[in-house]
Protein backbone atom coordinates (compact mmCIF):
# COMPACT_ATOMS: atom_id res chain seq x y z
CA MET A 1 -11.64 40.47 -6.04
CA ALA A 2 -9.38 38.13 -4.09
CA THR A 3 -10.43 34.52 -3.53
CA LEU A 4 -9.89 32.37 -0.45
CA LEU A 5 -10.28 28.66 -1.23
CA ILE A 6 -11.30 26.49 1.72
CA VAL A 7 -10.55 22.83 1.03
CA HIS A 8 -11.87 20.49 3.67
CA HIS A 9 -12.68 16.93 4.60
CA THR A 10 -15.46 17.03 7.16
CA PRO A 11 -16.54 13.51 8.14
CA SER A 12 -17.44 14.09 11.80
CA PRO A 13 -19.43 16.50 13.96
CA HIS A 14 -16.17 17.81 15.48
CA CYS A 15 -14.71 18.56 12.04
CA GLN A 16 -18.03 20.10 11.02
CA ALA A 17 -17.97 22.50 13.99
CA MET A 18 -14.43 23.57 13.12
CA PHE A 19 -15.29 23.96 9.43
CA GLU A 20 -18.37 26.08 10.18
CA ALA A 21 -16.31 28.33 12.45
CA VAL A 22 -13.64 28.80 9.77
CA VAL A 23 -16.28 29.69 7.17
CA SER A 24 -17.96 32.09 9.59
CA GLY A 25 -14.68 33.88 10.24
CA ALA A 26 -13.76 34.05 6.56
CA ASN A 27 -17.18 35.58 5.81
CA ASP A 28 -16.98 38.18 8.59
CA PRO A 29 -18.89 41.28 7.37
CA GLU A 30 -15.90 43.51 8.15
CA ILE A 31 -13.84 41.68 5.53
CA GLU A 32 -14.49 43.21 2.13
CA GLY A 33 -13.33 42.32 -1.35
CA VAL A 34 -12.70 38.64 -0.64
CA ARG A 35 -14.73 35.84 -2.15
CA VAL A 36 -14.81 32.64 -0.10
CA VAL A 37 -15.04 29.39 -2.06
CA ARG A 38 -15.62 26.10 -0.25
CA ARG A 39 -14.70 22.76 -1.80
CA ALA A 40 -14.75 19.27 -0.38
CA ALA A 41 -11.25 17.81 -0.68
CA LEU A 42 -12.40 15.13 -3.12
CA ALA A 43 -14.08 17.74 -5.35
CA ALA A 44 -11.40 20.46 -5.35
CA THR A 45 -9.41 20.77 -8.56
CA ALA A 46 -6.23 22.37 -9.81
CA ALA A 47 -8.41 24.99 -11.52
CA ASP A 48 -9.86 25.90 -8.09
CA VAL A 49 -6.35 26.29 -6.68
CA LEU A 50 -5.08 28.32 -9.63
CA ALA A 51 -8.09 30.66 -9.38
CA ALA A 52 -7.54 31.35 -5.67
CA ASP A 53 -5.21 33.79 -3.96
CA GLY A 54 -4.98 31.92 -0.63
CA TYR A 55 -5.88 28.56 0.86
CA LEU A 56 -7.38 27.25 4.07
CA LEU A 57 -7.20 23.49 4.56
CA GLY A 58 -9.10 21.34 7.02
CA THR A 59 -8.74 17.65 7.82
CA PRO A 60 -9.13 15.04 10.49
CA ALA A 61 -6.01 13.18 11.59
CA ASN A 62 -6.62 9.57 10.59
CA LEU A 63 -4.24 6.86 11.73
CA GLY A 64 -1.51 9.40 12.30
CA TYR A 65 -1.85 11.30 9.01
CA MET A 66 -4.07 13.74 7.15
CA SER A 67 -7.22 12.25 5.65
CA GLY A 68 -6.93 10.34 2.40
CA ALA A 69 -9.25 12.93 0.88
CA LEU A 70 -6.88 15.83 1.61
CA LYS A 71 -3.90 13.77 0.45
CA HIS A 72 -5.79 13.03 -2.78
CA PHE A 73 -6.38 16.78 -3.19
CA PHE A 74 -2.65 17.46 -2.86
CA ASP A 75 -1.82 14.62 -5.27
CA GLN A 76 -4.21 16.07 -7.87
CA ILE A 77 -3.01 19.67 -7.67
CA TYR A 78 0.69 19.38 -6.88
CA TYR A 79 2.32 19.47 -10.30
CA PRO A 80 -0.31 21.53 -12.14
CA CYS A 81 -0.02 24.25 -9.44
CA LEU A 82 3.62 23.95 -8.44
CA ASP A 83 5.11 26.86 -10.39
CA THR A 84 2.09 29.16 -10.42
CA THR A 85 1.06 29.22 -6.74
CA GLN A 86 4.41 29.67 -5.01
CA GLY A 87 4.36 32.30 -2.30
CA ARG A 88 0.60 32.22 -1.79
CA PRO A 89 -0.66 32.25 1.82
CA PHE A 90 -2.26 29.27 3.49
CA GLY A 91 -3.48 28.08 6.84
CA TYR A 92 -5.02 24.91 8.19
CA TYR A 93 -6.88 23.19 10.97
CA VAL A 94 -6.64 19.56 12.06
CA HIS A 95 -8.84 17.53 14.37
CA GLY A 96 -7.70 14.25 15.91
CA GLY A 97 -8.83 11.80 18.51
CA ASN A 98 -5.53 11.84 20.36
CA ASP A 99 -2.66 12.93 18.08
CA VAL A 100 -2.35 15.24 15.09
CA THR A 101 1.46 15.28 14.73
CA GLY A 102 1.66 13.23 11.53
CA ALA A 103 -1.13 15.18 9.84
CA VAL A 104 0.54 18.50 10.70
CA ARG A 105 3.91 17.25 9.45
CA GLY A 106 2.36 16.04 6.18
CA ILE A 107 0.49 19.28 5.47
CA GLU A 108 3.51 21.43 6.32
CA SER A 109 5.80 19.29 4.14
CA ILE A 110 3.57 19.33 1.07
CA ALA A 111 2.80 23.05 1.41
CA LYS A 112 6.52 23.76 1.69
CA GLY A 113 7.09 21.75 -1.47
CA LEU A 114 4.46 23.86 -3.22
CA GLY A 115 6.17 27.00 -2.01
CA TRP A 116 3.13 28.18 -0.07
CA ARG A 117 3.72 30.35 3.00
CA ARG A 118 1.80 29.75 6.19
CA SER A 119 0.29 33.09 7.13
CA ALA A 120 -1.66 32.10 10.24
CA GLU A 121 -1.09 29.84 13.21
CA ALA A 122 -2.55 26.38 12.63
CA VAL A 123 -5.44 25.23 14.79
CA THR A 124 -4.98 21.70 16.08
CA VAL A 125 -7.53 20.02 18.32
CA THR A 126 -7.63 16.62 19.95
CA GLY A 127 -10.89 15.42 21.41
CA GLU A 128 -14.04 17.51 21.43
CA PRO A 129 -13.46 21.13 20.34
CA ASP A 130 -14.28 23.56 23.15
CA LYS A 131 -15.35 27.20 22.82
CA ALA A 132 -11.75 28.40 22.61
CA ASP A 133 -10.99 25.91 19.80
CA VAL A 134 -14.05 26.98 17.83
CA GLU A 135 -13.11 30.65 18.33
CA ALA A 136 -9.56 29.89 17.17
CA CYS A 137 -11.03 28.39 13.99
CA ARG A 138 -13.19 31.46 13.46
CA GLU A 139 -10.12 33.67 13.90
CA LEU A 140 -8.16 31.46 11.47
CA GLY A 141 -10.78 31.98 8.78
CA ALA A 142 -10.95 35.72 9.43
CA SER A 143 -7.17 36.08 9.45
CA LEU A 144 -6.68 34.27 6.13
CA ALA A 145 -9.49 36.23 4.46
CA ALA A 146 -8.41 39.59 5.90
CA GLY A 147 -4.87 38.97 4.68
CA LEU A 148 -6.21 38.87 1.12
CA MET A 149 -7.98 42.24 1.30
CA ASP A 150 -6.56 44.95 -0.96
């Protein structure tokens, strides 16, 4: 069975709404043969990454960058996972008050260094997520999970 690892930092109600939508999409009943594992960014380990077949990352944009929690996750897993996880699919969502550019750039740069391939359009939201944003998050989760089906 394939595994989708969702690594998230969810400190606000807006991030929580996006996270719940991603999880809902990844667990869509039409998607079979994919196990969805959720880990807070500060709790996720290299073993979690090595055991997964794809990754979905979620973070707020804090002071122009991804959260310290997601950066810590990347710092912890980078070298232990560098050679083994190349080519694996990933996607992400970012929520910011007014700008997510630095967070997006950071995630894309680190994922490129890991050799991961983005397999779904990122969801970026500034301000309060509306229905379309939440639906885009649900579709992101479903797309990543469905891409792992045999």
